[in-house]
Amino acid sequence: MEITINSQIVEVGAEADLADRDLSGADLSGLDMSYCDLSNADLSNAELVGTNLKGACLRGTILTDCDLTDAYLVEADLTGADLRGSTLNGINLDRVKFNSTRF
C-alpha cells in the first residue's frame, strides 16, 4: 500500500523497509506493519492507533509524542527507541525487547 507522508510516496505494510525514514506526523493507524524495519526512523507525533507492529524492528526509532493506543507490539524490538510523551494505553508488549528504551 502506498501513502503520502511529508510530500513523499511511501510503500507501507507488512515487511516494508522503512529504516531511516522521516515518517513524523504520519497516520498509520490500523495498518498491518508487522515485521517492518523501522530502525532509526522518525515517527515523532505519528498516529499508530491499533497498528499491528508484531515483530517490527524499532531499534533507535524516535516515537516521541505518538499515539500507540491499542497497538500490537508482540515480539517487537524497541532497543534504544524513544517513546517519551507517547500514549501507550492498551498496547500489547508480550516478548518485546526494551534495552535502553526511553519512556
N, C-alpha and C. Protein backbone atom coordinates (compact mmCIF):
# COMPACT_ATOMS: atom_id res chain seq x y z
N MET A 1 0.84 -1.17 0.00
CA MET A 1 0.00 0.00 0.00
C MET A 1 0.89 1.24 0.00
N GLU A 2 0.58 2.19 -0.83
CA GLU A 2 1.34 3.44 -0.89
C GLU A 2 0.53 4.55 -0.24
N ILE A 3 1.22 5.36 0.59
CA ILE A 3 0.61 6.54 1.18
C ILE A 3 1.59 7.70 1.05
N THR A 4 1.08 8.91 1.15
CA THR A 4 1.93 10.09 1.07
C THR A 4 2.21 10.58 2.49
N ILE A 5 3.48 10.71 2.82
CA ILE A 5 3.92 11.19 4.12
C ILE A 5 4.97 12.27 3.88
N ASN A 6 4.71 13.46 4.42
CA ASN A 6 5.66 14.57 4.28
C ASN A 6 6.06 14.79 2.81
N SER A 7 5.07 14.80 1.94
CA SER A 7 5.24 15.04 0.49
C SER A 7 6.02 13.95 -0.23
N GLN A 8 6.14 12.78 0.37
CA GLN A 8 6.81 11.68 -0.31
C GLN A 8 5.91 10.46 -0.33
N ILE A 9 5.94 9.70 -1.41
CA ILE A 9 5.15 8.48 -1.51
C ILE A 9 5.94 7.37 -0.85
N VAL A 10 5.29 6.68 0.08
CA VAL A 10 5.96 5.65 0.87
C VAL A 10 5.17 4.35 0.78
N GLU A 11 5.85 3.27 0.51
CA GLU A 11 5.24 1.94 0.50
C GLU A 11 5.22 1.43 1.93
N VAL A 12 4.02 1.20 2.47
CA VAL A 12 3.87 0.71 3.83
C VAL A 12 3.15 -0.63 3.80
N GLY A 13 3.29 -1.36 4.88
CA GLY A 13 2.62 -2.65 5.00
C GLY A 13 3.57 -3.66 5.60
N ALA A 14 3.09 -4.88 5.74
CA ALA A 14 3.89 -5.94 6.35
C ALA A 14 5.23 -6.08 5.64
N GLU A 15 6.28 -6.18 6.44
CA GLU A 15 7.66 -6.43 5.99
C GLU A 15 8.28 -5.29 5.18
N ALA A 16 7.69 -4.11 5.21
CA ALA A 16 8.24 -2.96 4.48
C ALA A 16 9.57 -2.52 5.10
N ASP A 17 10.48 -2.02 4.28
CA ASP A 17 11.75 -1.49 4.76
C ASP A 17 11.62 0.04 4.83
N LEU A 18 11.43 0.52 6.05
CA LEU A 18 11.27 1.96 6.27
C LEU A 18 12.36 2.50 7.19
N ALA A 19 13.47 1.80 7.24
CA ALA A 19 14.60 2.22 8.08
C ALA A 19 15.08 3.60 7.67
N ASP A 20 15.41 4.41 8.69
CA ASP A 20 15.99 5.73 8.49
C ASP A 20 15.07 6.73 7.78
N ARG A 21 13.78 6.46 7.70
CA ARG A 21 12.85 7.35 7.01
C ARG A 21 12.25 8.39 7.95
N ASP A 22 11.89 9.54 7.42
CA ASP A 22 11.18 10.57 8.18
C ASP A 22 9.69 10.32 7.98
N LEU A 23 9.06 9.72 8.97
CA LEU A 23 7.63 9.43 8.95
C LEU A 23 6.91 10.24 10.02
N SER A 24 7.52 11.34 10.44
CA SER A 24 6.95 12.15 11.51
C SER A 24 5.57 12.65 11.11
N GLY A 25 4.64 12.56 12.07
CA GLY A 25 3.28 13.03 11.85
C GLY A 25 2.42 12.13 10.99
N ALA A 26 2.93 10.99 10.57
CA ALA A 26 2.16 10.08 9.71
C ALA A 26 1.00 9.44 10.47
N ASP A 27 -0.08 9.19 9.76
CA ASP A 27 -1.20 8.44 10.33
C ASP A 27 -1.15 7.02 9.78
N LEU A 28 -0.64 6.11 10.59
CA LEU A 28 -0.51 4.70 10.22
C LEU A 28 -1.48 3.85 11.03
N SER A 29 -2.52 4.47 11.54
CA SER A 29 -3.48 3.78 12.40
C SER A 29 -4.14 2.62 11.68
N GLY A 30 -4.20 1.49 12.39
CA GLY A 30 -4.90 0.32 11.89
C GLY A 30 -4.20 -0.46 10.81
N LEU A 31 -3.00 -0.05 10.41
CA LEU A 31 -2.30 -0.75 9.33
C LEU A 31 -1.57 -1.99 9.84
N ASP A 32 -1.34 -2.94 8.96
CA ASP A 32 -0.52 -4.10 9.26
C ASP A 32 0.92 -3.74 8.91
N MET A 33 1.71 -3.44 9.94
CA MET A 33 3.11 -3.09 9.77
C MET A 33 3.99 -4.18 10.40
N SER A 34 3.46 -5.38 10.46
CA SER A 34 4.19 -6.48 11.10
C SER A 34 5.50 -6.75 10.36
N TYR A 35 6.52 -7.03 11.15
CA TYR A 35 7.86 -7.38 10.68
C TYR A 35 8.50 -6.31 9.80
N CYS A 36 8.05 -5.06 9.91
CA CYS A 36 8.67 -3.94 9.20
C CYS A 36 10.02 -3.59 9.82
N ASP A 37 10.89 -3.06 9.02
CA ASP A 37 12.13 -2.50 9.53
C ASP A 37 11.94 -0.99 9.62
N LEU A 38 11.73 -0.52 10.85
CA LEU A 38 11.57 0.90 11.12
C LEU A 38 12.75 1.41 11.95
N SER A 39 13.87 0.72 11.88
CA SER A 39 15.02 1.10 12.69
C SER A 39 15.49 2.51 12.32
N ASN A 40 15.76 3.30 13.36
CA ASN A 40 16.25 4.67 13.23
C ASN A 40 15.32 5.60 12.44
N ALA A 41 14.06 5.21 12.29
CA ALA A 41 13.09 6.08 11.62
C ALA A 41 12.59 7.14 12.60
N ASP A 42 12.10 8.25 12.06
CA ASP A 42 11.49 9.30 12.88
C ASP A 42 9.98 9.18 12.74
N LEU A 43 9.34 8.68 13.80
CA LEU A 43 7.88 8.56 13.84
C LEU A 43 7.30 9.51 14.89
N SER A 44 8.01 10.57 15.19
CA SER A 44 7.51 11.51 16.20
C SER A 44 6.16 12.06 15.76
N ASN A 45 5.26 12.20 16.74
CA ASN A 45 3.91 12.73 16.51
C ASN A 45 3.07 11.88 15.57
N ALA A 46 3.44 10.63 15.36
CA ALA A 46 2.67 9.75 14.47
C ALA A 46 1.45 9.17 15.18
N GLU A 47 0.44 8.81 14.39
CA GLU A 47 -0.75 8.13 14.89
C GLU A 47 -0.60 6.65 14.53
N LEU A 48 -0.51 5.81 15.57
CA LEU A 48 -0.33 4.38 15.38
C LEU A 48 -1.40 3.61 16.15
N VAL A 49 -2.59 4.17 16.21
CA VAL A 49 -3.69 3.58 16.97
C VAL A 49 -4.11 2.26 16.31
N GLY A 50 -4.02 1.18 17.10
CA GLY A 50 -4.43 -0.13 16.61
C GLY A 50 -3.52 -0.72 15.54
N THR A 51 -2.34 -0.15 15.35
CA THR A 51 -1.41 -0.64 14.32
C THR A 51 -0.77 -1.95 14.75
N ASN A 52 -0.67 -2.89 13.82
CA ASN A 52 -0.02 -4.18 14.09
C ASN A 52 1.47 -4.02 13.79
N LEU A 53 2.27 -4.01 14.85
CA LEU A 53 3.73 -3.89 14.74
C LEU A 53 4.41 -5.16 15.25
N LYS A 54 3.73 -6.30 15.13
CA LYS A 54 4.29 -7.56 15.60
C LYS A 54 5.64 -7.82 14.92
N GLY A 55 6.65 -8.11 15.73
CA GLY A 55 7.96 -8.46 15.22
C GLY A 55 8.70 -7.34 14.51
N ALA A 56 8.19 -6.12 14.59
CA ALA A 56 8.83 -4.99 13.89
C ALA A 56 10.16 -4.63 14.55
N CYS A 57 11.10 -4.18 13.74
CA CYS A 57 12.37 -3.69 14.24
C CYS A 57 12.25 -2.18 14.41
N LEU A 58 12.21 -1.75 15.67
CA LEU A 58 12.09 -0.34 16.01
C LEU A 58 13.33 0.13 16.77
N ARG A 59 14.46 -0.46 16.47
CA ARG A 59 15.72 -0.13 17.13
C ARG A 59 16.11 1.32 16.81
N GLY A 60 16.26 2.13 17.88
CA GLY A 60 16.68 3.51 17.71
C GLY A 60 15.62 4.41 17.10
N THR A 61 14.39 3.95 17.01
CA THR A 61 13.31 4.71 16.39
C THR A 61 12.82 5.82 17.32
N ILE A 62 12.56 6.98 16.76
CA ILE A 62 12.00 8.10 17.51
C ILE A 62 10.48 7.98 17.46
N LEU A 63 9.90 7.70 18.62
CA LEU A 63 8.45 7.53 18.74
C LEU A 63 7.89 8.52 19.75
N THR A 64 8.50 9.69 19.86
CA THR A 64 8.07 10.68 20.85
C THR A 64 6.72 11.26 20.46
N ASP A 65 5.88 11.46 21.49
CA ASP A 65 4.57 12.08 21.32
C ASP A 65 3.67 11.35 20.32
N CYS A 66 3.82 10.04 20.22
CA CYS A 66 2.97 9.22 19.35
C CYS A 66 1.74 8.74 20.10
N ASP A 67 0.70 8.40 19.36
CA ASP A 67 -0.45 7.73 19.95
C ASP A 67 -0.40 6.27 19.52
N LEU A 68 0.00 5.41 20.46
CA LEU A 68 0.12 3.98 20.23
C LEU A 68 -1.02 3.21 20.90
N THR A 69 -2.14 3.87 21.15
CA THR A 69 -3.27 3.23 21.80
C THR A 69 -3.66 1.95 21.05
N ASP A 70 -3.76 0.84 21.83
CA ASP A 70 -4.16 -0.47 21.30
C ASP A 70 -3.24 -1.03 20.21
N ALA A 71 -2.01 -0.52 20.10
CA ALA A 71 -1.06 -1.08 19.13
C ALA A 71 -0.63 -2.47 19.58
N TYR A 72 -0.29 -3.31 18.62
CA TYR A 72 0.11 -4.69 18.87
C TYR A 72 1.61 -4.78 18.59
N LEU A 73 2.40 -4.88 19.66
CA LEU A 73 3.86 -4.83 19.54
C LEU A 73 4.53 -6.15 19.97
N VAL A 74 3.81 -7.24 19.97
CA VAL A 74 4.36 -8.53 20.38
C VAL A 74 5.62 -8.83 19.58
N GLU A 75 6.69 -9.20 20.28
CA GLU A 75 7.98 -9.60 19.70
C GLU A 75 8.70 -8.46 18.97
N ALA A 76 8.26 -7.22 19.15
CA ALA A 76 8.95 -6.09 18.52
C ALA A 76 10.27 -5.82 19.25
N ASP A 77 11.19 -5.20 18.55
CA ASP A 77 12.49 -4.82 19.13
C ASP A 77 12.52 -3.31 19.28
N LEU A 78 12.39 -2.83 20.53
CA LEU A 78 12.40 -1.41 20.84
C LEU A 78 13.72 -0.97 21.47
N THR A 79 14.78 -1.70 21.21
CA THR A 79 16.09 -1.37 21.76
C THR A 79 16.49 0.05 21.34
N GLY A 80 16.75 0.89 22.32
CA GLY A 80 17.20 2.25 22.04
C GLY A 80 16.13 3.18 21.50
N ALA A 81 14.87 2.74 21.45
CA ALA A 81 13.79 3.59 20.96
C ALA A 81 13.44 4.67 21.99
N ASP A 82 12.87 5.76 21.53
CA ASP A 82 12.47 6.86 22.39
C ASP A 82 10.96 7.02 22.32
N LEU A 83 10.27 6.67 23.42
CA LEU A 83 8.81 6.75 23.48
C LEU A 83 8.33 7.84 24.42
N ARG A 84 9.19 8.77 24.76
CA ARG A 84 8.80 9.83 25.70
C ARG A 84 7.61 10.63 25.18
N GLY A 85 6.62 10.82 26.08
CA GLY A 85 5.45 11.61 25.75
C GLY A 85 4.40 10.87 24.94
N SER A 86 4.61 9.58 24.68
CA SER A 86 3.66 8.82 23.86
C SER A 86 2.53 8.23 24.69
N THR A 87 1.38 8.06 24.06
CA THR A 87 0.23 7.41 24.68
C THR A 87 0.35 5.92 24.42
N LEU A 88 0.37 5.15 25.52
CA LEU A 88 0.62 3.71 25.43
C LEU A 88 -0.54 2.89 25.98
N ASN A 89 -1.74 3.43 26.00
CA ASN A 89 -2.89 2.74 26.57
C ASN A 89 -3.26 1.50 25.76
N GLY A 90 -3.41 0.37 26.45
CA GLY A 90 -3.92 -0.85 25.82
C GLY A 90 -2.97 -1.55 24.87
N ILE A 91 -1.68 -1.19 24.87
CA ILE A 91 -0.76 -1.84 23.94
C ILE A 91 -0.36 -3.22 24.46
N ASN A 92 -0.07 -4.12 23.54
CA ASN A 92 0.36 -5.48 23.87
C ASN A 92 1.87 -5.53 23.70
N LEU A 93 2.58 -5.79 24.81
CA LEU A 93 4.04 -5.77 24.82
C LEU A 93 4.66 -7.13 25.14
N ASP A 94 3.94 -8.20 24.86
CA ASP A 94 4.49 -9.53 25.13
C ASP A 94 5.78 -9.76 24.34
N ARG A 95 6.80 -10.23 25.03
CA ARG A 95 8.09 -10.61 24.44
C ARG A 95 8.77 -9.48 23.65
N VAL A 96 8.60 -8.24 24.13
CA VAL A 96 9.23 -7.08 23.49
C VAL A 96 10.62 -6.88 24.09
N LYS A 97 11.58 -6.48 23.26
CA LYS A 97 12.93 -6.15 23.72
C LYS A 97 12.97 -4.66 24.04
N PHE A 98 13.43 -4.34 25.29
CA PHE A 98 13.42 -2.96 25.79
C PHE A 98 14.79 -2.43 26.17
N ASN A 99 15.88 -2.95 25.73
CA ASN A 99 17.19 -2.49 26.14
C ASN A 99 17.39 -1.01 25.79
N SER A 100 17.67 -0.20 26.79
CA SER A 100 17.95 1.24 26.63
C SER A 100 16.79 2.02 26.02
N THR A 101 15.58 1.51 26.14
CA THR A 101 14.39 2.22 25.65
C THR A 101 14.05 3.36 26.60
N ARG A 102 13.71 4.51 26.07
CA ARG A 102 13.34 5.67 26.89
C ARG A 102 11.84 5.87 26.87
N PHE A 103 11.28 6.01 28.11
CA PHE A 103 9.84 6.24 28.26
C PHE A 103 9.59 7.58 28.91
